[in-house]
Amino acid sequence: MLPSARGNNARAYRPFTLRIVSSRPTAPRPPTIISKVPSIRVDLAGENLQGYTLLLKNISARSIVFYALDEGGGSIAFGRVVGNFHDRPVIAPGESKQEMVGLNLSGRITPDGLAEDSIPRRIVVAAAVFSDGSHEGDDIFAVRLKSGQIGYRTQYRRIKPFIDRIIRDSAPDDDGRVVRIREELHSLSNRPDDSTIRAVRSQFPDLPNEVVVKDLTDALDSARQKIWGEVYGYVHSSGTYPPPSHPPPLAEWWRATRQAIDPMLLSPE
């Protein structure tokens, strides 16, 4: 029997409602997907609780060697660069490539699913560089892609004659050759020359000179580190486990590398 509502000791009971909710987060609302590269058509190919699958199709007659995705931050720092510094196509003409864009799992989880701040608001194919040296998309992204390509080619052109001599020298062993290659790489300048700056400025006349110079400088410095990473990774056989007790001779690495970079060094900037 319910207590009476009258009297000094009376207690009132209020009804309440039980609601059953799913223990699994609901699928978030898809972000806006944009391509600022006319030669790339981008579609949402799938989605799940981890993120989104994009399908990028190259609808041009040129191979794509680099492209940049902006995942909502307005700069490459908030996205990614996909490409091949040896100028091998990442998307051939008429071909497609899948890209997975994950959610920001540091976002707050709510009973109804992922919080809005964990979902990219926009995914933008911001820029692309093609095998013929041309580019499309936002200049601020495209100049970074072009600078990276130029930096890698420039530093390999500079270091190539030194590595040729080091490999031919029969006096040191491979450990000694690696030390000499590292020293030569360390001595390479990361300052772009005036002709390179002018060439890039001619392709991006609307960008301030200091932006072009900074991107080229960063690219030249990054290229030194990347080349050293290629040497170090080969010597230490980082791609295999357990590593072989006797890595192949450094001359084999250089022979394979020459086959990859020689065509690239002859191609236009």
Protein backbone atom coordinates (compact mmCIF):
# COMPACT_ATOMS: atom_id res chain seq x y z
CA MET A 1 0.00 0.00 0.00
CA LEU A 2 1.38 3.39 -0.96
CA PRO A 3 2.05 5.81 1.84
CA SER A 4 -0.51 8.53 2.24
CA ALA A 5 0.28 11.87 0.72
CA ARG A 6 -1.11 13.49 3.87
CA GLY A 7 0.67 13.92 7.13
CA ASN A 8 4.06 15.19 8.23
CA ASN A 9 5.87 11.95 7.34
CA ALA A 10 4.30 11.53 3.94
CA ARG A 11 6.57 10.64 1.00
CA ALA A 12 5.74 11.21 -2.67
CA TYR A 13 6.80 8.69 -5.29
CA ARG A 14 7.62 9.99 -8.78
CA PRO A 15 7.50 7.69 -11.81
CA PHE A 16 10.65 7.18 -13.87
CA THR A 17 11.33 5.74 -17.30
CA LEU A 18 13.82 3.04 -18.28
CA ARG A 19 15.34 3.27 -21.75
CA ILE A 20 17.40 0.55 -23.45
CA VAL A 21 20.37 1.83 -25.44
CA SER A 22 22.78 -0.05 -27.67
CA SER A 23 26.23 -0.77 -26.28
CA ARG A 24 27.69 -0.16 -29.76
CA PRO A 25 28.28 3.40 -30.98
CA THR A 26 26.06 4.48 -33.82
CA ALA A 27 27.65 5.16 -37.18
CA PRO A 28 28.73 8.83 -37.33
CA ARG A 29 27.47 11.23 -39.93
CA PRO A 30 29.79 11.09 -42.98
CA PRO A 31 32.01 14.13 -43.56
CA THR A 32 31.89 16.31 -46.64
CA ILE A 33 34.18 14.87 -49.32
CA ILE A 34 35.73 17.24 -51.86
CA SER A 35 38.29 16.95 -54.64
CA LYS A 36 40.13 20.14 -55.57
CA VAL A 37 42.02 18.13 -58.19
CA PRO A 38 39.96 18.00 -61.41
CA SER A 39 41.80 14.84 -62.49
CA ILE A 40 40.81 12.90 -59.35
CA ARG A 41 37.25 11.78 -58.79
CA VAL A 42 36.65 10.78 -55.20
CA ASP A 43 33.74 8.75 -53.84
CA LEU A 44 32.82 7.35 -50.45
CA ALA A 45 33.25 3.59 -50.95
CA GLY A 46 32.39 2.43 -47.44
CA GLU A 47 32.20 3.30 -43.77
CA ASN A 48 32.30 1.54 -40.43
CA LEU A 49 32.97 2.36 -36.80
CA GLN A 50 36.70 2.81 -37.52
CA GLY A 51 36.33 5.36 -40.31
CA TYR A 52 35.71 5.81 -44.01
CA THR A 53 37.00 4.20 -47.19
CA LEU A 54 37.50 6.58 -50.11
CA LEU A 55 37.92 5.58 -53.73
CA LEU A 56 40.16 7.94 -55.71
CA LYS A 57 40.06 7.54 -59.48
CA ASN A 58 42.55 9.14 -61.86
CA ILE A 59 40.41 10.32 -64.77
CA SER A 60 43.31 11.98 -66.58
CA ALA A 61 45.78 10.61 -69.14
CA ARG A 62 48.72 11.30 -66.79
CA SER A 63 50.04 9.15 -63.96
CA ILE A 64 49.75 10.60 -60.47
CA VAL A 65 52.98 10.38 -58.46
CA PHE A 66 51.90 12.39 -55.38
CA TYR A 67 48.67 13.57 -53.85
CA ALA A 68 47.74 15.27 -50.60
CA LEU A 69 44.72 14.67 -48.40
CA ASP A 70 43.51 17.36 -46.02
CA GLU A 71 41.54 15.74 -43.21
CA GLY A 72 40.07 18.96 -41.91
CA GLY A 73 42.99 21.01 -40.61
CA GLY A 74 43.71 23.14 -43.67
CA SER A 75 47.35 22.04 -44.03
CA ILE A 76 49.45 18.95 -44.71
CA ALA A 77 50.20 18.81 -40.99
CA PHE A 78 46.56 17.75 -40.51
CA GLY A 79 46.50 15.32 -43.41
CA ARG A 80 48.80 13.06 -45.33
CA VAL A 81 50.96 12.88 -48.43
CA VAL A 82 50.85 9.78 -50.60
CA GLY A 83 53.51 9.33 -53.25
CA ASN A 84 56.66 7.76 -54.54
CA PHE A 85 59.91 9.70 -54.62
CA HIS A 86 61.19 7.42 -57.39
CA ASP A 87 58.39 8.78 -59.62
CA ARG A 88 56.59 5.46 -59.81
CA PRO A 89 52.85 6.09 -60.30
CA VAL A 90 50.60 5.79 -57.27
CA ILE A 91 47.51 6.02 -59.49
CA ALA A 92 47.91 5.20 -63.19
CA PRO A 93 45.59 6.76 -65.78
CA GLY A 94 42.09 5.33 -65.47
CA GLU A 95 42.98 3.41 -62.30
CA SER A 96 41.62 3.81 -58.78
CA LYS A 97 43.12 3.66 -55.30
CA GLN A 98 41.47 3.16 -51.92
CA GLU A 99 42.27 5.38 -48.96
CA MET A 100 41.20 4.68 -45.39
CA VAL A 101 40.47 7.75 -43.27
CA GLY A 102 40.15 6.80 -39.63
CA LEU A 103 38.23 8.56 -36.90
CA ASN A 104 40.01 10.51 -34.20
CA LEU A 105 39.71 7.89 -31.50
CA SER A 106 40.91 10.34 -28.87
CA GLY A 107 37.47 11.93 -29.13
CA ARG A 108 35.03 11.59 -26.25
CA ILE A 109 32.77 8.52 -26.31
CA THR A 110 29.12 9.09 -25.40
CA PRO A 111 26.30 6.56 -24.84
CA ASP A 112 24.91 7.51 -28.24
CA GLY A 113 28.16 7.03 -30.11
CA LEU A 114 31.27 8.97 -31.05
CA ALA A 115 31.34 12.63 -30.16
CA GLU A 116 31.24 15.06 -33.05
CA ASP A 117 34.79 16.29 -32.36
CA SER A 118 36.11 12.83 -33.28
CA ILE A 119 34.68 12.97 -36.81
CA PRO A 120 36.52 14.76 -39.66
CA ARG A 121 34.26 17.57 -40.87
CA ARG A 122 35.76 17.52 -44.35
CA ILE A 123 38.06 15.25 -46.30
CA VAL A 124 39.67 17.08 -49.21
CA VAL A 125 41.85 15.78 -52.01
CA ALA A 126 43.83 19.00 -51.89
CA ALA A 127 46.53 18.65 -54.58
CA ALA A 128 48.29 16.25 -56.91
CA VAL A 129 51.54 16.12 -58.88
CA PHE A 130 51.70 14.20 -62.14
CA SER A 131 54.43 12.24 -63.92
CA ASP A 132 54.96 15.06 -66.43
CA GLY A 133 55.74 17.53 -63.62
CA SER A 134 52.40 19.34 -63.76
CA HIS A 135 50.17 19.82 -60.74
CA GLU A 136 46.56 20.54 -59.79
CA GLY A 137 44.83 21.68 -56.63
CA ASP A 138 45.51 24.20 -53.87
CA ASP A 139 48.85 25.93 -54.32
CA ILE A 140 49.76 25.74 -50.63
CA PHE A 141 49.55 21.92 -50.80
CA ALA A 142 50.89 21.53 -54.34
CA VAL A 143 54.05 23.54 -53.62
CA ARG A 144 54.83 21.24 -50.70
CA LEU A 145 54.47 18.20 -52.94
CA LYS A 146 56.61 19.74 -55.68
CA SER A 147 59.24 20.84 -53.17
CA GLY A 148 59.50 17.33 -51.76
CA GLN A 149 59.98 15.92 -55.24
CA ILE A 150 62.60 18.55 -56.15
CA GLY A 151 64.43 18.13 -52.84
CA TYR A 152 64.79 14.39 -53.25
CA ARG A 153 66.04 14.69 -56.83
CA THR A 154 68.43 17.52 -55.95
CA GLN A 155 70.07 15.72 -53.05
CA TYR A 156 70.45 12.49 -55.00
CA ARG A 157 72.06 14.41 -57.88
CA ARG A 158 74.49 15.91 -55.41
CA ILE A 159 75.31 12.72 -53.54
CA LYS A 160 75.39 10.34 -56.52
CA PRO A 161 79.01 11.00 -57.64
CA PHE A 162 80.22 10.69 -54.05
CA ILE A 163 78.50 7.35 -53.54
CA ASP A 164 79.85 6.15 -56.89
CA ARG A 165 83.41 6.82 -55.68
CA ILE A 166 82.77 5.38 -52.22
CA ILE A 167 81.37 2.13 -53.63
CA ARG A 168 84.27 1.79 -56.09
CA ASP A 169 86.86 2.30 -53.35
CA SER A 170 88.05 -1.16 -52.34
CA ALA A 171 89.97 0.00 -49.26
CA PRO A 172 87.16 0.34 -46.68
CA ASP A 173 84.67 -2.39 -45.81
CA ASP A 174 80.92 -1.74 -45.96
CA ASP A 175 80.88 -0.32 -42.44
CA GLY A 176 83.48 2.21 -43.50
CA ARG A 177 81.55 3.03 -46.67
CA VAL A 178 78.39 3.68 -44.68
CA VAL A 179 80.25 6.10 -42.41
CA ARG A 180 81.57 8.00 -45.43
CA ILE A 181 78.12 8.15 -47.05
CA ARG A 182 76.69 9.51 -43.80
CA GLU A 183 79.39 12.18 -43.65
CA GLU A 184 78.73 13.23 -47.26
CA LEU A 185 74.99 13.42 -46.63
CA HIS A 186 75.57 15.53 -43.53
CA SER A 187 77.62 17.99 -45.58
CA LEU A 188 74.93 18.51 -48.24
CA SER A 189 73.40 21.96 -48.14
CA ASN A 190 69.71 22.43 -47.41
CA ARG A 191 69.66 25.86 -49.06
CA PRO A 192 67.86 26.00 -52.42
CA ASP A 193 69.72 27.76 -55.22
CA ASP A 194 68.30 30.82 -56.94
CA SER A 195 67.45 29.01 -60.17
CA THR A 196 65.36 26.43 -58.29
CA ILE A 197 63.54 29.14 -56.37
CA ARG A 198 62.77 30.99 -59.62
CA ALA A 199 61.56 27.80 -61.30
CA VAL A 200 59.16 27.00 -58.46
CA ARG A 201 58.01 30.61 -58.17
CA SER A 202 57.12 30.53 -61.88
CA GLN A 203 54.75 27.63 -61.17
CA PHE A 204 53.27 29.26 -58.06
CA PRO A 205 53.34 33.02 -58.76
CA ASP A 206 50.63 33.76 -56.19
CA LEU A 207 52.59 32.36 -53.26
CA PRO A 208 54.94 34.58 -51.21
CA ASN A 209 58.63 34.05 -51.85
CA GLU A 210 59.26 33.12 -48.21
CA VAL A 211 56.74 30.25 -48.44
CA VAL A 212 58.47 28.79 -51.49
CA VAL A 213 61.93 29.14 -49.94
CA LYS A 214 60.85 27.55 -46.65
CA ASP A 215 59.20 24.59 -48.38
CA LEU A 216 62.26 23.99 -50.56
CA THR A 217 64.59 24.29 -47.57
CA ASP A 218 62.51 21.84 -45.53
CA ALA A 219 62.38 19.47 -48.50
CA LEU A 220 66.14 19.48 -49.02
CA ASP A 221 66.70 18.76 -45.34
CA SER A 222 64.07 16.02 -45.34
CA ALA A 223 65.64 14.45 -48.45
CA ARG A 224 69.00 14.08 -46.70
CA GLN A 225 67.28 12.23 -43.88
CA LYS A 226 65.26 10.09 -46.27
CA ILE A 227 68.33 9.02 -48.26
CA TRP A 228 70.15 8.18 -45.05
CA GLY A 229 67.10 6.19 -43.98
CA GLU A 230 67.35 4.17 -47.18
CA VAL A 231 71.02 3.39 -46.52
CA TYR A 232 70.48 2.61 -42.84
CA GLY A 233 67.41 0.49 -43.51
CA TYR A 234 69.26 -1.58 -46.09
CA VAL A 235 72.35 -2.14 -43.98
CA HIS A 236 70.32 -3.14 -40.94
CA SER A 237 67.84 -5.16 -43.03
CA SER A 238 64.94 -3.56 -41.21
CA GLY A 239 62.46 -5.20 -43.56
CA THR A 240 63.22 -8.74 -42.41
CA TYR A 241 63.03 -10.54 -39.09
CA PRO A 242 65.18 -12.07 -37.86
CA PRO A 243 67.80 -10.01 -39.69
CA PRO A 244 70.37 -11.94 -41.74
CA SER A 245 73.75 -12.39 -40.08
CA HIS A 246 75.52 -11.13 -43.21
CA PRO A 247 73.64 -8.36 -45.05
CA PRO A 248 74.20 -8.25 -48.83
CA PRO A 249 77.02 -5.99 -49.98
CA LEU A 250 76.31 -2.28 -50.07
CA ALA A 251 77.19 -2.31 -53.77
CA GLU A 252 74.01 -4.32 -54.42
CA TRP A 253 71.91 -1.64 -52.73
CA TRP A 254 73.55 1.06 -54.81
CA ARG A 255 73.09 -0.89 -58.04
CA ALA A 256 69.35 -1.29 -57.37
CA THR A 257 69.04 2.32 -56.22
CA ARG A 258 70.76 3.60 -59.37
CA GLN A 259 68.27 1.69 -61.50
CA ALA A 260 65.44 3.44 -59.66
CA ILE A 261 66.81 6.98 -59.48
CA ASP A 262 68.58 7.39 -62.83
CA PRO A 263 65.33 7.76 -64.84
CA MET A 264 63.99 10.09 -62.16
CA LEU A 265 67.04 12.35 -62.33
CA LEU A 266 66.56 12.75 -66.08
CA SER A 267 62.87 13.68 -65.82
CA PRO A 268 61.70 17.32 -65.68
CA GLU A 269 61.18 19.17 -62.44
